[in-house]
Amino acid sequence: QVQVVESGGGLVQAGGSLRLSCAASGNILSINAMGWYRQAPGKQRELVARISSGGDTNYADSVKGRFTISRDNAKNTVYLQMNSLKPEDTAVYYCRATLRVVAQISHDYWGQGTQVTVSS
């Protein structure tokens, strides 16, 4: 019954900001990592940002300096603050949670995606 649910997508003008949220719920023993991926029309899905259980972060070169990933471990929630948005940021954004639900084995769980559209 594990669920990963995103929210916060929408339509904004270039230069604007959005804050995405992703909450994992269910029979979760621990979280190994959580991250954001995106997929634009005609493009492959790519990593946007990732944060480990220890707080280490990684960003795609295209979003460094503009996006910030953070987490609230108590709420099993990860956030993506997106500033200085560009039309090329337009994509469906997916949350991925690497969760331990049984013993020492972790599995990946994906959210349904949230649309981010940046107009010029």
N, C-alpha and C. Protein backbone atom coordinates (compact mmCIF):
# COMPACT_ATOMS: atom_id res chain seq x y z
N GLN A 1 0.82 -1.21 0.00
CA GLN A 1 0.00 0.00 0.00
C GLN A 1 0.86 1.26 0.00
N VAL A 2 2.09 1.14 -0.46
CA VAL A 2 2.96 2.30 -0.53
C VAL A 2 2.48 3.24 -1.63
N GLN A 3 2.44 4.51 -1.33
CA GLN A 3 2.04 5.53 -2.29
C GLN A 3 3.06 6.66 -2.32
N VAL A 4 3.30 7.18 -3.50
CA VAL A 4 4.14 8.35 -3.69
C VAL A 4 3.32 9.36 -4.48
N VAL A 5 3.06 10.52 -3.90
CA VAL A 5 2.14 11.49 -4.48
C VAL A 5 2.81 12.84 -4.60
N GLU A 6 2.82 13.39 -5.83
CA GLU A 6 3.37 14.71 -6.09
C GLU A 6 2.27 15.76 -6.12
N SER A 7 2.67 17.00 -5.88
CA SER A 7 1.76 18.13 -6.02
C SER A 7 2.59 19.38 -6.28
N GLY A 8 1.93 20.43 -6.75
CA GLY A 8 2.58 21.72 -6.92
C GLY A 8 2.87 22.14 -8.34
N GLY A 9 2.61 21.28 -9.31
CA GLY A 9 2.84 21.65 -10.70
C GLY A 9 1.84 22.69 -11.17
N GLY A 10 2.13 23.27 -12.33
CA GLY A 10 1.24 24.27 -12.88
C GLY A 10 1.85 25.00 -14.04
N LEU A 11 1.21 26.09 -14.42
CA LEU A 11 1.63 26.93 -15.54
C LEU A 11 2.20 28.24 -15.00
N VAL A 12 3.42 28.56 -15.39
CA VAL A 12 4.06 29.80 -14.97
C VAL A 12 4.77 30.44 -16.15
N GLN A 13 5.04 31.73 -16.04
CA GLN A 13 5.81 32.44 -17.04
C GLN A 13 7.30 32.26 -16.79
N ALA A 14 8.08 32.41 -17.85
CA ALA A 14 9.52 32.33 -17.72
C ALA A 14 10.01 33.31 -16.65
N GLY A 15 10.92 32.84 -15.82
CA GLY A 15 11.42 33.64 -14.71
C GLY A 15 10.67 33.43 -13.42
N GLY A 16 9.55 32.74 -13.47
CA GLY A 16 8.75 32.49 -12.29
C GLY A 16 9.26 31.32 -11.47
N SER A 17 8.49 30.98 -10.44
CA SER A 17 8.88 29.93 -9.51
C SER A 17 7.73 28.98 -9.23
N LEU A 18 8.08 27.75 -8.90
CA LEU A 18 7.14 26.75 -8.42
C LEU A 18 7.82 25.93 -7.34
N ARG A 19 7.02 25.38 -6.44
CA ARG A 19 7.53 24.49 -5.40
C ARG A 19 6.77 23.18 -5.48
N LEU A 20 7.47 22.12 -5.81
CA LEU A 20 6.88 20.79 -5.89
C LEU A 20 7.05 20.06 -4.58
N SER A 21 6.06 19.24 -4.24
CA SER A 21 6.11 18.42 -3.04
C SER A 21 5.85 16.98 -3.41
N CYS A 22 6.48 16.07 -2.68
CA CYS A 22 6.28 14.64 -2.88
C CYS A 22 6.25 13.97 -1.53
N ALA A 23 5.16 13.28 -1.24
CA ALA A 23 5.00 12.60 0.03
C ALA A 23 4.87 11.10 -0.19
N ALA A 24 5.67 10.34 0.53
CA ALA A 24 5.60 8.89 0.50
C ALA A 24 4.84 8.41 1.74
N SER A 25 3.96 7.46 1.54
CA SER A 25 3.18 6.94 2.66
C SER A 25 2.99 5.44 2.51
N GLY A 26 2.60 4.80 3.60
CA GLY A 26 2.37 3.37 3.60
C GLY A 26 3.27 2.66 4.59
N ASN A 27 3.45 1.37 4.37
CA ASN A 27 4.25 0.54 5.27
C ASN A 27 5.73 0.69 4.94
N ILE A 28 6.31 1.82 5.34
CA ILE A 28 7.69 2.16 5.02
C ILE A 28 8.56 1.96 6.25
N LEU A 29 9.60 1.15 6.11
CA LEU A 29 10.54 0.95 7.20
C LEU A 29 11.57 2.06 7.25
N SER A 30 12.06 2.49 6.09
CA SER A 30 13.02 3.58 6.02
C SER A 30 13.12 4.06 4.58
N ILE A 31 13.66 5.26 4.41
CA ILE A 31 13.85 5.86 3.10
C ILE A 31 15.34 5.90 2.79
N ASN A 32 15.71 5.30 1.68
CA ASN A 32 17.11 5.32 1.25
C ASN A 32 17.44 6.63 0.54
N ALA A 33 16.54 7.05 -0.36
CA ALA A 33 16.75 8.28 -1.10
C ALA A 33 15.45 8.70 -1.76
N MET A 34 15.35 9.98 -2.10
CA MET A 34 14.22 10.48 -2.86
C MET A 34 14.75 11.47 -3.88
N GLY A 35 14.08 11.53 -5.03
CA GLY A 35 14.55 12.42 -6.06
C GLY A 35 13.46 12.82 -7.03
N TRP A 36 13.82 13.76 -7.89
CA TRP A 36 12.92 14.27 -8.92
C TRP A 36 13.50 13.99 -10.29
N TYR A 37 12.65 13.50 -11.18
CA TYR A 37 12.99 13.28 -12.57
C TYR A 37 11.97 14.01 -13.43
N ARG A 38 12.34 14.26 -14.68
CA ARG A 38 11.39 14.91 -15.58
C ARG A 38 11.50 14.31 -16.97
N GLN A 39 10.40 14.41 -17.70
CA GLN A 39 10.36 13.91 -19.06
C GLN A 39 9.56 14.88 -19.92
N ALA A 40 10.22 15.46 -20.90
CA ALA A 40 9.59 16.37 -21.84
C ALA A 40 9.18 15.59 -23.08
N PRO A 41 8.23 16.12 -23.85
CA PRO A 41 7.82 15.44 -25.09
C PRO A 41 9.00 15.18 -26.00
N GLY A 42 9.13 13.95 -26.47
CA GLY A 42 10.21 13.59 -27.36
C GLY A 42 11.56 13.41 -26.70
N LYS A 43 11.61 13.50 -25.38
CA LYS A 43 12.86 13.38 -24.65
C LYS A 43 12.81 12.18 -23.70
N GLN A 44 13.99 11.71 -23.34
CA GLN A 44 14.09 10.65 -22.34
C GLN A 44 13.96 11.23 -20.94
N ARG A 45 13.50 10.40 -20.02
CA ARG A 45 13.40 10.82 -18.64
C ARG A 45 14.81 11.06 -18.08
N GLU A 46 14.97 12.16 -17.35
CA GLU A 46 16.27 12.52 -16.83
C GLU A 46 16.19 12.89 -15.36
N LEU A 47 17.29 12.68 -14.67
CA LEU A 47 17.39 13.09 -13.27
C LEU A 47 17.46 14.60 -13.18
N VAL A 48 16.66 15.17 -12.28
CA VAL A 48 16.70 16.60 -12.00
C VAL A 48 17.47 16.87 -10.72
N ALA A 49 17.08 16.20 -9.65
CA ALA A 49 17.73 16.38 -8.36
C ALA A 49 17.46 15.16 -7.49
N ARG A 50 18.39 14.88 -6.60
CA ARG A 50 18.28 13.73 -5.73
C ARG A 50 18.84 14.08 -4.37
N ILE A 51 18.25 13.51 -3.32
CA ILE A 51 18.76 13.71 -1.98
C ILE A 51 18.75 12.38 -1.26
N SER A 52 19.85 12.06 -0.60
CA SER A 52 19.98 10.81 0.12
C SER A 52 19.42 10.94 1.52
N SER A 53 19.33 9.81 2.20
CA SER A 53 18.85 9.82 3.58
C SER A 53 19.76 10.64 4.48
N GLY A 54 21.03 10.74 4.12
CA GLY A 54 21.98 11.52 4.89
C GLY A 54 22.05 12.98 4.52
N GLY A 55 21.30 13.39 3.48
CA GLY A 55 21.25 14.78 3.09
C GLY A 55 22.14 15.17 1.93
N ASP A 56 22.89 14.23 1.37
CA ASP A 56 23.71 14.53 0.20
C ASP A 56 22.81 14.78 -1.01
N THR A 57 23.17 15.78 -1.81
CA THR A 57 22.34 16.16 -2.96
C THR A 57 23.11 16.09 -4.26
N ASN A 58 22.38 15.86 -5.34
CA ASN A 58 22.92 15.89 -6.69
C ASN A 58 21.92 16.60 -7.59
N TYR A 59 22.44 17.38 -8.55
CA TYR A 59 21.60 18.13 -9.47
C TYR A 59 22.06 17.93 -10.90
N ALA A 60 21.11 17.98 -11.81
CA ALA A 60 21.46 18.04 -13.22
C ALA A 60 22.14 19.38 -13.50
N ASP A 61 23.09 19.38 -14.43
CA ASP A 61 23.79 20.61 -14.76
C ASP A 61 22.83 21.72 -15.21
N SER A 62 21.76 21.34 -15.87
CA SER A 62 20.84 22.31 -16.43
C SER A 62 20.03 23.07 -15.37
N VAL A 63 20.00 22.56 -14.13
CA VAL A 63 19.20 23.21 -13.10
C VAL A 63 20.04 23.72 -11.93
N LYS A 64 21.33 23.48 -11.94
CA LYS A 64 22.18 23.94 -10.85
C LYS A 64 22.10 25.45 -10.70
N GLY A 65 21.96 25.90 -9.47
CA GLY A 65 21.84 27.32 -9.20
C GLY A 65 20.43 27.85 -9.28
N ARG A 66 19.50 27.06 -9.81
CA ARG A 66 18.11 27.49 -9.95
C ARG A 66 17.15 26.66 -9.11
N PHE A 67 17.43 25.36 -9.00
CA PHE A 67 16.55 24.45 -8.26
C PHE A 67 17.22 24.04 -6.95
N THR A 68 16.41 23.78 -5.94
CA THR A 68 16.90 23.31 -4.66
C THR A 68 16.02 22.18 -4.16
N ILE A 69 16.64 21.05 -3.84
CA ILE A 69 15.90 19.93 -3.28
C ILE A 69 16.11 19.90 -1.77
N SER A 70 15.06 19.58 -1.05
CA SER A 70 15.13 19.49 0.40
C SER A 70 14.17 18.40 0.87
N ARG A 71 14.25 18.07 2.14
CA ARG A 71 13.40 16.99 2.65
C ARG A 71 12.97 17.25 4.08
N ASP A 72 11.88 16.59 4.45
CA ASP A 72 11.40 16.55 5.82
C ASP A 72 11.26 15.08 6.16
N ASN A 73 12.25 14.53 6.83
CA ASN A 73 12.27 13.10 7.11
C ASN A 73 11.08 12.65 7.96
N ALA A 74 10.68 13.49 8.89
CA ALA A 74 9.57 13.13 9.77
C ALA A 74 8.27 12.94 9.00
N LYS A 75 8.13 13.64 7.88
CA LYS A 75 6.92 13.57 7.08
C LYS A 75 7.09 12.73 5.82
N ASN A 76 8.26 12.11 5.64
CA ASN A 76 8.56 11.34 4.43
C ASN A 76 8.26 12.15 3.17
N THR A 77 8.70 13.40 3.19
CA THR A 77 8.37 14.33 2.12
C THR A 77 9.63 14.99 1.57
N VAL A 78 9.67 15.14 0.25
CA VAL A 78 10.75 15.83 -0.41
C VAL A 78 10.17 16.99 -1.21
N TYR A 79 10.92 18.09 -1.30
CA TYR A 79 10.47 19.28 -1.99
C TYR A 79 11.46 19.65 -3.09
N LEU A 80 10.96 20.32 -4.10
CA LEU A 80 11.81 20.87 -5.15
C LEU A 80 11.40 22.32 -5.37
N GLN A 81 12.24 23.24 -4.92
CA GLN A 81 12.02 24.66 -5.17
C GLN A 81 12.63 25.01 -6.51
N MET A 82 11.80 25.49 -7.42
CA MET A 82 12.21 25.77 -8.79
C MET A 82 12.11 27.27 -9.04
N ASN A 83 13.26 27.91 -9.20
CA ASN A 83 13.32 29.35 -9.45
C ASN A 83 13.88 29.63 -10.84
N SER A 84 13.65 30.84 -11.31
CA SER A 84 14.15 31.27 -12.62
C SER A 84 13.81 30.26 -13.70
N LEU A 85 12.56 29.86 -13.73
CA LEU A 85 12.13 28.82 -14.66
C LEU A 85 12.25 29.27 -16.11
N LYS A 86 12.61 28.32 -16.95
CA LYS A 86 12.79 28.54 -18.38
C LYS A 86 11.83 27.66 -19.16
N PRO A 87 11.48 28.04 -20.39
CA PRO A 87 10.60 27.19 -21.19
C PRO A 87 11.13 25.77 -21.34
N GLU A 88 12.44 25.59 -21.39
CA GLU A 88 13.00 24.26 -21.52
C GLU A 88 12.83 23.41 -20.26
N ASP A 89 12.35 23.99 -19.17
CA ASP A 89 12.02 23.23 -17.98
C ASP A 89 10.66 22.55 -18.09
N THR A 90 9.91 22.88 -19.12
CA THR A 90 8.59 22.29 -19.31
C THR A 90 8.70 20.77 -19.45
N ALA A 91 7.97 20.06 -18.61
CA ALA A 91 8.02 18.60 -18.60
C ALA A 91 7.05 18.07 -17.56
N VAL A 92 6.85 16.77 -17.59
CA VAL A 92 6.18 16.10 -16.48
C VAL A 92 7.26 15.73 -15.47
N TYR A 93 7.06 16.14 -14.24
CA TYR A 93 8.02 15.89 -13.18
C TYR A 93 7.54 14.73 -12.32
N TYR A 94 8.42 13.76 -12.12
CA TYR A 94 8.11 12.56 -11.38
C TYR A 94 8.96 12.47 -10.12
N CYS A 95 8.34 12.05 -9.06
CA CYS A 95 9.04 11.78 -7.82
C CYS A 95 9.38 10.30 -7.74
N ARG A 96 10.62 10.00 -7.39
CA ARG A 96 11.04 8.63 -7.16
C ARG A 96 11.53 8.48 -5.72
N ALA A 97 11.00 7.49 -5.05
CA ALA A 97 11.40 7.20 -3.68
C ALA A 97 11.97 5.80 -3.62
N THR A 98 13.18 5.68 -3.09
CA THR A 98 13.79 4.38 -2.87
C THR A 98 13.53 4.02 -1.41
N LEU A 99 12.65 3.04 -1.21
CA LEU A 99 12.12 2.75 0.11
C LEU A 99 12.43 1.33 0.52
N ARG A 100 12.70 1.16 1.81
CA ARG A 100 12.84 -0.17 2.38
C ARG A 100 11.52 -0.54 3.03
N VAL A 101 10.89 -1.56 2.51
CA VAL A 101 9.60 -2.00 3.03
C VAL A 101 9.67 -3.40 3.62
N VAL A 102 10.69 -4.17 3.25
CA VAL A 102 10.87 -5.53 3.76
C VAL A 102 12.34 -5.76 4.09
N ALA A 103 12.62 -6.14 5.31
CA ALA A 103 13.97 -6.48 5.76
C ALA A 103 14.97 -5.44 5.30
N GLN A 104 16.06 -5.87 4.61
CA GLN A 104 17.11 -4.97 4.15
C GLN A 104 17.02 -4.68 2.66
N ILE A 105 15.90 -5.00 2.04
CA ILE A 105 15.73 -4.83 0.61
C ILE A 105 14.99 -3.54 0.31
N SER A 106 15.55 -2.73 -0.59
CA SER A 106 14.93 -1.48 -1.01
C SER A 106 14.40 -1.60 -2.43
N HIS A 107 13.31 -0.87 -2.70
CA HIS A 107 12.71 -0.84 -4.03
C HIS A 107 12.38 0.59 -4.40
N ASP A 108 12.29 0.83 -5.70
CA ASP A 108 11.93 2.15 -6.21
C ASP A 108 10.43 2.26 -6.39
N TYR A 109 9.88 3.39 -5.96
CA TYR A 109 8.47 3.70 -6.15
C TYR A 109 8.36 5.05 -6.83
N TRP A 110 7.47 5.13 -7.81
CA TRP A 110 7.30 6.34 -8.60
C TRP A 110 5.94 6.96 -8.38
N GLY A 111 5.91 8.28 -8.36
CA GLY A 111 4.65 8.99 -8.33
C GLY A 111 4.03 9.05 -9.72
N GLN A 112 2.83 9.60 -9.78
CA GLN A 112 2.09 9.65 -11.05
C GLN A 112 2.56 10.78 -11.96
N GLY A 113 3.32 11.70 -11.45
CA GLY A 113 3.83 12.82 -12.22
C GLY A 113 2.96 14.06 -12.07
N THR A 114 3.59 15.21 -12.19
CA THR A 114 2.87 16.48 -12.17
C THR A 114 3.42 17.37 -13.28
N GLN A 115 2.53 17.99 -14.03
CA GLN A 115 2.91 18.77 -15.20
C GLN A 115 3.41 20.15 -14.79
N VAL A 116 4.57 20.51 -15.32
CA VAL A 116 5.11 21.86 -15.17
C VAL A 116 5.24 22.46 -16.56
N THR A 117 4.58 23.58 -16.79
CA THR A 117 4.63 24.26 -18.08
C THR A 117 5.11 25.68 -17.88
N VAL A 118 6.17 26.05 -18.58
CA VAL A 118 6.75 27.38 -18.49
C VAL A 118 6.57 28.07 -19.84
N SER A 119 5.84 29.15 -19.84
CA SER A 119 5.56 29.88 -21.06
C SER A 119 6.60 30.97 -21.29
N SER A 120 6.85 31.28 -22.55
CA SER A 120 7.78 32.34 -22.90
C SER A 120 7.07 33.65 -23.09
